PDB file of N, CA and C in Angstrom:
ATOM      1  N   UNK A   1       0.823  -1.185   0.000  1.00  0.00           N
ATOM      2  CA  UNK A   1       0.000   0.000   0.000  1.00  0.00           C
ATOM      3  C   UNK A   1       0.869   1.252   0.000  1.00  0.00           C
ATOM      4  N   UNK A   2       1.985   1.190   0.694  1.00  0.00           N
ATOM      5  CA  UNK A   2       2.883   2.334   0.731  1.00  0.00           C
ATOM      6  C   UNK A   2       3.413   2.690  -0.642  1.00  0.00           C
ATOM      7  N   UNK A   3       3.712   1.660  -1.462  1.00  0.00           N
ATOM      8  CA  UNK A   3       4.221   1.934  -2.802  1.00  0.00           C
ATOM      9  C   UNK A   3       3.135   2.520  -3.692  1.00  0.00           C
ATOM     10  N   UNK A   4       1.879   2.120  -3.500  1.00  0.00           N
ATOM     11  CA  UNK A   4       0.790   2.710  -4.277  1.00  0.00           C
ATOM     12  C   UNK A   4       0.638   4.180  -3.943  1.00  0.00           C
ATOM     13  N   UNK A   5       0.766   4.528  -2.679  1.00  0.00           N
ATOM     14  CA  UNK A   5       0.669   5.921  -2.263  1.00  0.00           C
ATOM     15  C   UNK A   5       1.825   6.722  -2.858  1.00  0.00           C
ATOM     16  N   UNK A   6       3.044   6.161  -2.853  1.00  0.00           N
ATOM     17  CA  UNK A   6       4.191   6.850  -3.434  1.00  0.00           C
ATOM     18  C   UNK A   6       3.994   7.061  -4.921  1.00  0.00           C
ATOM     19  N   UNK A   7       3.470   6.046  -5.613  1.00  0.00           N
ATOM     20  CA  UNK A   7       3.224   6.147  -7.052  1.00  0.00           C
ATOM     21  C   UNK A   7       2.206   7.235  -7.328  1.00  0.00           C
ATOM     22  N   UNK A   8       1.158   7.308  -6.522  1.00  0.00           N
ATOM     23  CA  UNK A   8       0.119   8.324  -6.705  1.00  0.00           C
ATOM     24  C   UNK A   8       0.713   9.719  -6.520  1.00  0.00           C
ATOM     25  N   UNK A   9       1.577   9.886  -5.541  1.00  0.00           N
ATOM     26  CA  UNK A   9       2.204  11.177  -5.293  1.00  0.00           C
ATOM     27  C   UNK A   9       3.051  11.599  -6.494  1.00  0.00           C
ATOM     28  N   UNK A  10       3.833  10.664  -7.068  1.00  0.00           N
ATOM     29  CA  UNK A  10       4.666  10.964  -8.234  1.00  0.00           C
ATOM     30  C   UNK A  10       3.792  11.351  -9.417  1.00  0.00           C
ATOM     31  N   UNK A  11       2.721  10.588  -9.667  1.00  0.00           N
ATOM     32  CA  UNK A  11       1.848  10.846 -10.814  1.00  0.00           C
ATOM     33  C   UNK A  11       1.144  12.189 -10.706  1.00  0.00           C
ATOM     34  N   UNK A  12       0.914  12.667  -9.511  1.00  0.00           N
ATOM     35  CA  UNK A  12       0.173  13.911  -9.328  1.00  0.00           C
ATOM     36  C   UNK A  12       1.038  15.162  -9.442  1.00  0.00           C
ATOM     37  N   UNK A  13       2.335  15.006  -9.472  1.00  0.00           N
ATOM     38  CA  UNK A  13       3.213  16.171  -9.546  1.00  0.00           C
ATOM     39  C   UNK A  13       3.396  16.581 -10.999  1.00  0.00           C
ATOM     40  N   UNK A  14       2.831  17.745 -11.354  1.00  0.00           N
ATOM     41  CA  UNK A  14       2.871  18.214 -12.737  1.00  0.00           C
ATOM     42  C   UNK A  14       4.277  18.522 -13.224  1.00  0.00           C
ATOM     43  N   UNK A  15       5.139  18.981 -12.326  1.00  0.00           N
ATOM     44  CA  UNK A  15       6.482  19.374 -12.742  1.00  0.00           C
ATOM     45  C   UNK A  15       7.480  18.226 -12.649  1.00  0.00           C
ATOM     46  N   UNK A  16       6.995  17.020 -12.398  1.00  0.00           N
ATOM     47  CA  UNK A  16       7.865  15.860 -12.292  1.00  0.00           C
ATOM     48  C   UNK A  16       8.443  15.524 -13.662  1.00  0.00           C
ATOM     49  N   UNK A  17       9.780  15.483 -13.791  1.00  0.00           N
ATOM     50  CA  UNK A  17      10.362  15.107 -15.078  1.00  0.00           C
ATOM     51  C   UNK A  17       9.894  13.720 -15.499  1.00  0.00           C
ATOM     52  N   UNK A  18       9.669  13.547 -16.788  1.00  0.00           N
ATOM     53  CA  UNK A  18       9.151  12.283 -17.323  1.00  0.00           C
ATOM     54  C   UNK A  18      10.081  11.119 -17.026  1.00  0.00           C
ATOM     55  N   UNK A  19      11.402  11.351 -17.104  1.00  0.00           N
ATOM     56  CA  UNK A  19      12.325  10.241 -16.888  1.00  0.00           C
ATOM     57  C   UNK A  19      12.246   9.703 -15.465  1.00  0.00           C
ATOM     58  N   UNK A  20      11.911  10.560 -14.498  1.00  0.00           N
ATOM     59  CA  UNK A  20      11.770  10.090 -13.120  1.00  0.00           C
ATOM     60  C   UNK A  20      10.522   9.220 -13.000  1.00  0.00           C
ATOM     61  N   UNK A  21       9.443   9.637 -13.623  1.00  0.00           N
ATOM     62  CA  UNK A  21       8.228   8.830 -13.607  1.00  0.00           C
ATOM     63  C   UNK A  21       8.457   7.476 -14.256  1.00  0.00           C
ATOM     64  N   UNK A  22       9.180   7.458 -15.393  1.00  0.00           N
ATOM     65  CA  UNK A  22       9.475   6.198 -16.068  1.00  0.00           C
ATOM     66  C   UNK A  22      10.349   5.310 -15.179  1.00  0.00           C
ATOM     67  N   UNK A  23      11.358   5.912 -14.552  1.00  0.00           N
ATOM     68  CA  UNK A  23      12.238   5.137 -13.679  1.00  0.00           C
ATOM     69  C   UNK A  23      11.454   4.563 -12.501  1.00  0.00           C
ATOM     70  N   UNK A  24      10.584   5.364 -11.922  1.00  0.00           N
ATOM     71  CA  UNK A  24       9.767   4.900 -10.806  1.00  0.00           C
ATOM     72  C   UNK A  24       8.910   3.728 -11.248  1.00  0.00           C
ATOM     73  N   UNK A  25       8.330   3.818 -12.452  1.00  0.00           N
ATOM     74  CA  UNK A  25       7.503   2.744 -12.985  1.00  0.00           C
ATOM     75  C   UNK A  25       8.321   1.456 -13.156  1.00  0.00           C
ATOM     76  N   UNK A  26       9.552   1.580 -13.616  1.00  0.00           N
ATOM     77  CA  UNK A  26      10.404   0.409 -13.790  1.00  0.00           C
ATOM     78  C   UNK A  26      10.686  -0.263 -12.456  1.00  0.00           C
ATOM     79  N   UNK A  27      10.958   0.550 -11.444  1.00  0.00           N
ATOM     80  CA  UNK A  27      11.240   0.004 -10.123  1.00  0.00           C
ATOM     81  C   UNK A  27       9.993  -0.678  -9.565  1.00  0.00           C
ATOM     82  N   UNK A  28       8.851  -0.014  -9.694  1.00  0.00           N
ATOM     83  CA  UNK A  28       7.600  -0.559  -9.175  1.00  0.00           C
ATOM     84  C   UNK A  28       7.238  -1.881  -9.842  1.00  0.00           C
ATOM     85  N   UNK A  29       7.493  -1.999 -11.114  1.00  0.00           N
ATOM     86  CA  UNK A  29       7.098  -3.192 -11.858  1.00  0.00           C
ATOM     87  C   UNK A  29       8.245  -4.172 -12.063  1.00  0.00           C
ATOM     88  N   UNK A  30       9.348  -3.943 -11.370  1.00  0.00           N
ATOM     89  CA  UNK A  30      10.516  -4.817 -11.455  1.00  0.00           C
ATOM     90  C   UNK A  30      10.975  -5.046 -12.888  1.00  0.00           C
ATOM     91  N   UNK A  31      10.981  -3.994 -13.693  1.00  0.00           N
ATOM     92  CA  UNK A  31      11.455  -4.062 -15.071  1.00  0.00           C
ATOM     93  C   UNK A  31      12.937  -3.699 -15.069  1.00  0.00           C
ATOM     94  N   UNK A  32      13.798  -4.566 -15.603  1.00  0.00           N
ATOM     95  CA  UNK A  32      15.219  -4.215 -15.656  1.00  0.00           C
ATOM     96  C   UNK A  32      15.422  -2.964 -16.516  1.00  0.00           C
ATOM     97  N   UNK A  33      16.242  -2.066 -16.046  1.00  0.00           N
ATOM     98  CA  UNK A  33      16.464  -0.828 -16.787  1.00  0.00           C
ATOM     99  C   UNK A  33      17.051  -1.111 -18.161  1.00  0.00           C
ATOM    100  N   UNK A  34      17.962  -2.046 -18.262  1.00  0.00           N
ATOM    101  CA  UNK A  34      18.601  -2.317 -19.552  1.00  0.00           C
ATOM    102  C   UNK A  34      17.608  -2.864 -20.561  1.00  0.00           C
ATOM    103  N   UNK A  35      16.636  -3.635 -20.114  1.00  0.00           N
ATOM    104  CA  UNK A  35      15.653  -4.200 -21.041  1.00  0.00           C
ATOM    105  C   UNK A  35      14.800  -3.104 -21.668  1.00  0.00           C
ATOM    106  N   UNK A  36      14.267  -2.202 -20.859  1.00  0.00           N
ATOM    107  CA  UNK A  36      13.428  -1.144 -21.415  1.00  0.00           C
ATOM    108  C   UNK A  36      14.278  -0.120 -22.151  1.00  0.00           C
ATOM    109  N   UNK A  37      15.523   0.053 -21.726  1.00  0.00           N
ATOM    110  CA  UNK A  37      16.413   0.998 -22.403  1.00  0.00           C
ATOM    111  C   UNK A  37      16.677   0.545 -23.833  1.00  0.00           C
ATOM    112  N   UNK A  38      16.871  -0.774 -24.005  1.00  0.00           N
ATOM    113  CA  UNK A  38      17.156  -1.270 -25.345  1.00  0.00           C
ATOM    114  C   UNK A  38      15.951  -1.143 -26.257  1.00  0.00           C
ATOM    115  N   UNK A  39      14.760  -1.115 -25.699  1.00  0.00           N
ATOM    116  CA  UNK A  39      13.567  -0.919 -26.512  1.00  0.00           C
ATOM    117  C   UNK A  39      13.431   0.532 -26.963  1.00  0.00           C
ATOM    118  N   UNK A  40      13.964   1.437 -26.178  1.00  0.00           N
ATOM    119  CA  UNK A  40      13.848   2.860 -26.487  1.00  0.00           C
ATOM    120  C   UNK A  40      14.914   3.302 -27.491  1.00  0.00           C
ATOM    121  N   UNK A  41      16.087   2.697 -27.458  1.00  0.00           N
ATOM    122  CA  UNK A  41      17.189   3.080 -28.319  1.00  0.00           C
ATOM    123  C   UNK A  41      17.644   1.888 -29.148  1.00  0.00           C
ATOM    124  N   UNK A  42      18.256   2.157 -30.289  1.00  0.00           N
ATOM    125  CA  UNK A  42      18.609   1.060 -31.195  1.00  0.00           C
ATOM    126  C   UNK A  42      19.837   0.245 -30.807  1.00  0.00           C
ATOM    127  N   UNK A  43      20.632   0.699 -29.860  1.00  0.00           N
ATOM    128  CA  UNK A  43      21.840  -0.054 -29.515  1.00  0.00           C
ATOM    129  C   UNK A  43      21.911  -0.303 -28.017  1.00  0.00           C
ATOM    130  N   UNK A  44      22.836  -1.148 -27.628  1.00  0.00           N
ATOM    131  CA  UNK A  44      23.106  -1.414 -26.209  1.00  0.00           C
ATOM    132  C   UNK A  44      24.224  -0.509 -25.688  1.00  0.00           C
ATOM    133  N   UNK A  45      24.771   0.330 -26.557  1.00  0.00           N
ATOM    134  CA  UNK A  45      25.898   1.202 -26.218  1.00  0.00           C
ATOM    135  C   UNK A  45      25.366   2.560 -25.779  1.00  0.00           C
ATOM    136  N   UNK A  46      25.560   2.901 -24.517  1.00  0.00           N
ATOM    137  CA  UNK A  46      25.008   4.148 -23.984  1.00  0.00           C
ATOM    138  C   UNK A  46      25.611   5.380 -24.656  1.00  0.00           C
ATOM    139  N   UNK A  47      26.868   5.299 -25.071  1.00  0.00           N
ATOM    140  CA  UNK A  47      27.505   6.436 -25.738  1.00  0.00           C
ATOM    141  C   UNK A  47      26.868   6.658 -27.107  1.00  0.00           C
ATOM    142  N   UNK A  48      26.697   5.586 -27.859  1.00  0.00           N
ATOM    143  CA  UNK A  48      26.067   5.692 -29.175  1.00  0.00           C
ATOM    144  C   UNK A  48      24.635   6.206 -29.025  1.00  0.00           C
ATOM    145  N   UNK A  49      23.910   5.674 -28.052  1.00  0.00           N
ATOM    146  CA  UNK A  49      22.537   6.120 -27.833  1.00  0.00           C
ATOM    147  C   UNK A  49      22.470   7.593 -27.451  1.00  0.00           C
ATOM    148  N   UNK A  50      23.443   8.059 -26.685  1.00  0.00           N
ATOM    149  CA  UNK A  50      23.494   9.472 -26.318  1.00  0.00           C
ATOM    150  C   UNK A  50      23.687  10.345 -27.550  1.00  0.00           C
ATOM    151  N   UNK A  51      24.574   9.923 -28.450  1.00  0.00           N
ATOM    152  CA  UNK A  51      24.823  10.681 -29.676  1.00  0.00           C
ATOM    153  C   UNK A  51      23.575  10.685 -30.557  1.00  0.00           C
ATOM    154  N   UNK A  52      22.907   9.541 -30.663  1.00  0.00           N
ATOM    155  CA  UNK A  52      21.682   9.465 -31.460  1.00  0.00           C
ATOM    156  C   UNK A  52      20.635  10.425 -30.899  1.00  0.00           C
ATOM    157  N   UNK A  53      20.501  10.438 -29.584  1.00  0.00           N
ATOM    158  CA  UNK A  53      19.538  11.337 -28.946  1.00  0.00           C
ATOM    159  C   UNK A  53      19.894  12.808 -29.213  1.00  0.00           C
ATOM    160  N   UNK A  54      21.178  13.120 -29.136  1.00  0.00           N
ATOM    161  CA  UNK A  54      21.607  14.495 -29.400  1.00  0.00           C
ATOM    162  C   UNK A  54      21.361  14.885 -30.852  1.00  0.00           C
ATOM    163  N   UNK A  55      21.636  13.974 -31.780  1.00  0.00           N
ATOM    164  CA  UNK A  55      21.359  14.248 -33.197  1.00  0.00           C
ATOM    165  C   UNK A  55      19.874  14.506 -33.414  1.00  0.00           C
ATOM    166  N   UNK A  56      19.045  13.705 -32.781  1.00  0.00           N
ATOM    167  CA  UNK A  56      17.598  13.861 -32.928  1.00  0.00           C
ATOM    168  C   UNK A  56      17.146  15.217 -32.406  1.00  0.00           C
ATOM    169  N   UNK A  57      17.629  15.586 -31.232  1.00  0.00           N
ATOM    170  CA  UNK A  57      17.261  16.890 -30.661  1.00  0.00           C
ATOM    171  C   UNK A  57      17.768  18.024 -31.544  1.00  0.00           C
ATOM    172  N   UNK A  58      18.995  17.898 -32.026  1.00  0.00           N
ATOM    173  CA  UNK A  58      19.576  18.943 -32.883  1.00  0.00           C
ATOM    174  C   UNK A  58      18.786  19.070 -34.181  1.00  0.00           C
ATOM    175  N   UNK A  59      18.359  17.970 -34.739  1.00  0.00           N
ATOM    176  CA  UNK A  59      17.553  18.003 -35.953  1.00  0.00           C
ATOM    177  C   UNK A  59      16.235  18.737 -35.708  1.00  0.00           C
ATOM    178  N   UNK A  60      15.615  18.449 -34.583  1.00  0.00           N
ATOM    179  CA  UNK A  60      14.351  19.116 -34.247  1.00  0.00           C
ATOM    180  C   UNK A  60      14.536  20.615 -34.031  1.00  0.00           C
ATOM    181  N   UNK A  61      15.623  21.000 -33.384  1.00  0.00           N
ATOM    182  CA  UNK A  61      15.911  22.424 -33.181  1.00  0.00           C
ATOM    183  C   UNK A  61      16.152  23.099 -34.530  1.00  0.00           C
ATOM    184  N   UNK A  62      16.920  22.441 -35.404  1.00  0.00           N
ATOM    185  CA  UNK A  62      17.192  22.998 -36.729  1.00  0.00           C
ATOM    186  C   UNK A  62      15.926  23.178 -37.541  1.00  0.00           C
ATOM    187  N   UNK A  63      15.035  22.217 -37.465  1.00  0.00           N
ATOM    188  CA  UNK A  63      13.773  22.309 -38.187  1.00  0.00           C
ATOM    189  C   UNK A  63      12.948  23.473 -37.666  1.00  0.00           C
ATOM    190  N   UNK A  64      12.920  23.619 -36.347  1.00  0.00           N
ATOM    191  CA  UNK A  64      12.163  24.729 -35.753  1.00  0.00           C
ATOM    192  C   UNK A  64      12.801  26.082 -36.076  1.00  0.00           C
ATOM    193  N   UNK A  65      14.121  26.138 -36.004  1.00  0.00           N
ATOM    194  CA  UNK A  65      14.839  27.402 -36.211  1.00  0.00           C
ATOM    195  C   UNK A  65      14.875  27.822 -37.678  1.00  0.00           C
ATOM    196  N   UNK A  66      15.145  26.863 -38.586  1.00  0.00           N
ATOM    197  CA  UNK A  66      15.345  27.194 -39.990  1.00  0.00           C
ATOM    198  C   UNK A  66      14.193  26.761 -40.900  1.00  0.00           C
ATOM    199  N   UNK A  67      13.279  25.973 -40.353  1.00  0.00           N
ATOM    200  CA  UNK A  67      12.132  25.541 -41.134  1.00  0.00           C
ATOM    201  C   UNK A  67      12.459  24.534 -42.217  1.00  0.00           C
ATOM    202  N   UNK A  68      13.593  23.854 -42.086  1.00  0.00           N
ATOM    203  CA  UNK A  68      13.977  22.864 -43.085  1.00  0.00           C
ATOM    204  C   UNK A  68      14.876  21.814 -42.442  1.00  0.00           C
ATOM    205  N   UNK A  69      15.147  20.762 -43.185  1.00  0.00           N
ATOM    206  CA  UNK A  69      16.047  19.706 -42.717  1.00  0.00           C
ATOM    207  C   UNK A  69      17.229  19.611 -43.687  1.00  0.00           C
ATOM    208  N   UNK A  70      18.093  18.653 -43.432  1.00  0.00           N
ATOM    209  CA  UNK A  70      19.214  18.433 -44.339  1.00  0.00           C
ATOM    210  C   UNK A  70      18.773  17.793 -45.647  1.00  0.00           C
ATOM    211  N   UNK A  71      17.512  17.453 -45.749  1.00  0.00           N
ATOM    212  CA  UNK A  71      16.980  16.927 -47.009  1.00  0.00           C
ATOM    213  C   UNK A  71      16.730  18.039 -48.024  1.00  0.00           C
ATOM    214  N   UNK A  72      16.971  19.260 -47.640  1.00  0.00           N
ATOM    215  CA  UNK A  72      16.732  20.391 -48.551  1.00  0.00           C
ATOM    216  C   UNK A  72      17.545  20.241 -49.828  1.00  0.00           C
ATOM    217  N   UNK A  73      17.044  20.831 -50.896  1.00  0.00           N
ATOM    218  CA  UNK A  73      17.692  20.687 -52.204  1.00  0.00           C
ATOM    219  C   UNK A  73      18.086  22.030 -52.823  1.00  0.00           C
ATOM    220  N   UNK A  74      17.990  23.094 -52.015  1.00  0.00           N
ATOM    221  CA  UNK A  74      18.266  24.426 -52.562  1.00  0.00           C
ATOM    222  C   UNK A  74      19.731  24.833 -52.467  1.00  0.00           C
ATOM    223  N   UNK A  75      20.585  23.986 -51.912  1.00  0.00           N
ATOM    224  CA  UNK A  75      22.006  24.322 -51.788  1.00  0.00           C
ATOM    225  C   UNK A  75      22.821  23.536 -52.801  1.00  0.00           C
ATOM    226  N   UNK A  76      23.874  24.169 -53.279  1.00  0.00           N
ATOM    227  CA  UNK A  76      24.787  23.483 -54.192  1.00  0.00           C
ATOM    228  C   UNK A  76      25.796  22.670 -53.383  1.00  0.00           C
ATOM    229  N   UNK A  77      26.554  21.858 -54.068  1.00  0.00           N
ATOM    230  CA  UNK A  77      27.604  21.089 -53.407  1.00  0.00           C
ATOM    231  C   UNK A  77      28.597  22.033 -52.725  1.00  0.00           C
ATOM    232  N   UNK A  78      28.940  23.129 -53.394  1.00  0.00           N
ATOM    233  CA  UNK A  78      29.860  24.107 -52.781  1.00  0.00           C
ATOM    234  C   UNK A  78      29.253  24.750 -51.544  1.00  0.00           C
ATOM    235  N   UNK A  79      27.956  24.997 -51.555  1.00  0.00           N
ATOM    236  CA  UNK A  79      27.290  25.530 -50.359  1.00  0.00           C
ATOM    237  C   UNK A  79      27.438  24.562 -49.181  1.00  0.00           C
ATOM    238  N   UNK A  80      27.227  23.261 -49.461  1.00  0.00           N
ATOM    239  CA  UNK A  80      27.354  22.258 -48.408  1.00  0.00           C
ATOM    240  C   UNK A  80      28.784  22.205 -47.877  1.00  0.00           C
ATOM    241  N   UNK A  81      29.758  22.281 -48.770  1.00  0.00           N
ATOM    242  CA  UNK A  81      31.162  22.284 -48.360  1.00  0.00           C
ATOM    243  C   UNK A  81      31.436  23.502 -47.472  1.00  0.00           C
ATOM    244  N   UNK A  82      30.913  24.650 -47.859  1.00  0.00           N
ATOM    245  CA  UNK A  82      31.102  25.874 -47.069  1.00  0.00           C
ATOM    246  C   UNK A  82      30.511  25.717 -45.665  1.00  0.00           C
ATOM    247  N   UNK A  83      29.299  25.193 -45.598  1.00  0.00           N
ATOM    248  CA  UNK A  83      28.667  24.977 -44.287  1.00  0.00           C
ATOM    249  C   UNK A  83      29.514  24.036 -43.430  1.00  0.00           C
ATOM    250  N   UNK A  84      29.989  22.950 -44.025  1.00  0.00           N
ATOM    251  CA  UNK A  84      30.809  21.985 -43.293  1.00  0.00           C
ATOM    252  C   UNK A  84      32.099  22.632 -42.791  1.00  0.00           C
ATOM    253  N   UNK A  85      32.746  23.431 -43.642  1.00  0.00           N
ATOM    254  CA  UNK A  85      33.974  24.117 -43.232  1.00  0.00           C
ATOM    255  C   UNK A  85      33.716  25.034 -42.045  1.00  0.00           C
ATOM    256  N   UNK A  86      32.650  25.789 -42.107  1.00  0.00           N
ATOM    257  CA  UNK A  86      32.330  26.717 -41.019  1.00  0.00           C
ATOM    258  C   UNK A  86      32.064  25.969 -39.710  1.00  0.00           C
ATOM    259  N   UNK A  87      31.353  24.852 -39.796  1.00  0.00           N
ATOM    260  CA  UNK A  87      31.081  24.060 -38.596  1.00  0.00           C
ATOM    261  C   UNK A  87      32.374  23.493 -38.010  1.00  0.00           C
ATOM    262  N   UNK A  88      33.253  22.984 -38.877  1.00  0.00           N
ATOM    263  CA  UNK A  88      34.518  22.430 -38.403  1.00  0.00           C
ATOM    264  C   UNK A  88      35.419  23.509 -37.819  1.00  0.00           C
ATOM    265  N   UNK A  89      35.408  24.686 -38.407  1.00  0.00           N
ATOM    266  CA  UNK A  89      36.198  25.797 -37.855  1.00  0.00           C
ATOM    267  C   UNK A  89      35.695  26.149 -36.462  1.00  0.00           C
ATOM    268  N   UNK A  90      34.377  26.178 -36.279  1.00  0.00           N
ATOM    269  CA  UNK A  90      33.813  26.435 -34.949  1.00  0.00           C
ATOM    270  C   UNK A  90      34.288  25.370 -33.964  1.00  0.00           C
ATOM    271  N   UNK A  91      34.295  24.111 -34.405  1.00  0.00           N
ATOM    272  CA  UNK A  91      34.754  23.028 -33.538  1.00  0.00           C
ATOM    273  C   UNK A  91      36.196  23.209 -33.102  1.00  0.00           C
ATOM    274  N   UNK A  92      37.061  23.618 -34.024  1.00  0.00           N
ATOM    275  CA  UNK A  92      38.465  23.878 -33.693  1.00  0.00           C
ATOM    276  C   UNK A  92      38.573  25.001 -32.663  1.00  0.00           C
ATOM    277  N   UNK A  93      37.761  26.046 -32.821  1.00  0.00           N
ATOM    278  CA  UNK A  93      37.776  27.149 -31.859  1.00  0.00           C
ATOM    279  C   UNK A  93      37.351  26.683 -30.468  1.00  0.00           C
ATOM    280  N   UNK A  94      36.326  25.836 -30.405  1.00  0.00           N
ATOM    281  CA  UNK A  94      35.878  25.318 -29.113  1.00  0.00           C
ATOM    282  C   UNK A  94      36.969  24.475 -28.463  1.00  0.00           C
ATOM    283  N   UNK A  95      37.652  23.642 -29.261  1.00  0.00           N
ATOM    284  CA  UNK A  95      38.742  22.838 -28.718  1.00  0.00           C
ATOM    285  C   UNK A  95      39.889  23.708 -28.207  1.00  0.00           C
ATOM    286  N   UNK A  96      40.199  24.752 -28.926  1.00  0.00           N
ATOM    287  CA  UNK A  96      41.267  25.667 -28.492  1.00  0.00           C
ATOM    288  C   UNK A  96      40.894  26.337 -27.173  1.00  0.00           C
ATOM    289  N   UNK A  97      39.657  26.735 -27.038  1.00  0.00           N
ATOM    290  CA  UNK A  97      39.185  27.352 -25.785  1.00  0.00           C
ATOM    291  C   UNK A  97      39.305  26.369 -24.626  1.00  0.00           C
ATOM    292  N   UNK A  98      38.908  25.122 -24.856  1.00  0.00           N
ATOM    293  CA  UNK A  98      39.007  24.096 -23.814  1.00  0.00           C
ATOM    294  C   UNK A  98      40.469  23.894 -23.414  1.00  0.00           C
ATOM    295  N   UNK A  99      41.384  23.845 -24.396  1.00  0.00           N
ATOM    296  CA  UNK A  99      42.804  23.702 -24.098  1.00  0.00           C
ATOM    297  C   UNK A  99      43.294  24.846 -23.225  1.00  0.00           C
ATOM    298  N   UNK A 100      42.912  26.067 -23.576  1.00  0.00           N
ATOM    299  CA  UNK A 100      43.365  27.231 -22.800  1.00  0.00           C
ATOM    300  C   UNK A 100      42.861  27.160 -21.366  1.00  0.00           C
ATOM    301  N   UNK A 101      41.612  26.776 -21.189  1.00  0.00           N
ATOM    302  CA  UNK A 101      41.058  26.657 -19.839  1.00  0.00           C
ATOM    303  C   UNK A 101      41.828  25.612 -19.051  1.00  0.00           C
ATOM    304  N   UNK A 102      42.116  24.482 -19.688  1.00  0.00           N
ATOM    305  CA  UNK A 102      42.852  23.416 -19.015  1.00  0.00           C
ATOM    306  C   UNK A 102      44.268  23.855 -18.668  1.00  0.00           C
ATOM    307  N   UNK A 103      44.929  24.560 -19.580  1.00  0.00           N
ATOM    308  CA  UNK A 103      46.298  25.021 -19.329  1.00  0.00           C
ATOM    309  C   UNK A 103      46.312  26.066 -18.215  1.00  0.00           C
ATOM    310  N   UNK A 104      45.327  26.946 -18.200  1.00  0.00           N
ATOM    311  CA  UNK A 104      45.282  27.979 -17.177  1.00  0.00           C
ATOM    312  C   UNK A 104      45.016  27.395 -15.808  1.00  0.00           C
ATOM    313  N   UNK A 105      44.208  26.351 -15.757  1.00  0.00           N
ATOM    314  CA  UNK A 105      43.883  25.738 -14.465  1.00  0.00           C
ATOM    315  C   UNK A 105      44.940  24.705 -14.067  1.00  0.00           C
ATOM    316  N   UNK A 106      45.826  24.369 -14.999  1.00  0.00           N
ATOM    317  CA  UNK A 106      46.904  23.408 -14.788  1.00  0.00           C
ATOM    318  C   UNK A 106      46.381  22.064 -14.320  1.00  0.00           C
ATOM    319  N   UNK A 107      45.163  21.752 -14.727  1.00  0.00           N
ATOM    320  CA  UNK A 107      44.601  20.438 -14.410  1.00  0.00           C
ATOM    321  C   UNK A 107      44.869  19.509 -15.568  1.00  0.00           C
ATOM    322  N   UNK A 108      45.050  18.283 -15.244  1.00  0.00           N
ATOM    323  CA  UNK A 108      45.276  17.279 -16.281  1.00  0.00           C
ATOM    324  C   UNK A 108      44.009  16.466 -16.458  1.00  0.00           C
ATOM    325  N   UNK A 109      43.534  16.434 -17.688  1.00  0.00           N
ATOM    326  CA  UNK A 109      42.360  15.654 -18.029  1.00  0.00           C
ATOM    327  C   UNK A 109      42.778  14.505 -18.927  1.00  0.00           C
ATOM    328  N   UNK A 110      42.259  13.374 -18.651  1.00  0.00           N
ATOM    329  CA  UNK A 110      42.582  12.192 -19.441  1.00  0.00           C
ATOM    330  C   UNK A 110      41.323  11.520 -19.880  1.00  0.00           C
TER     331      UNK A 110
END
């Protein structure tokens, strides 16, 4: 009875993050986390699944922000190359910033 009351309290909280409700449900129903996790994502590799999730979110943000996807056909091959170069240049800048922060803090990251 105590677990039913706890479940009711979780279900009634509007601001409760969905992942907490799902986790609570798994615990209540003795569902192994790995079993339901594999149903939600295509691989058993948490790193790969994280990247897939990030790609999906980024695609949705891009669609909302620009109103199109990478399936667009209005860009030339040179346009695509230019976009890729700009993205890679940004990545190099971010890596350089991270290096500077690490060097300034004299911490070693491995």
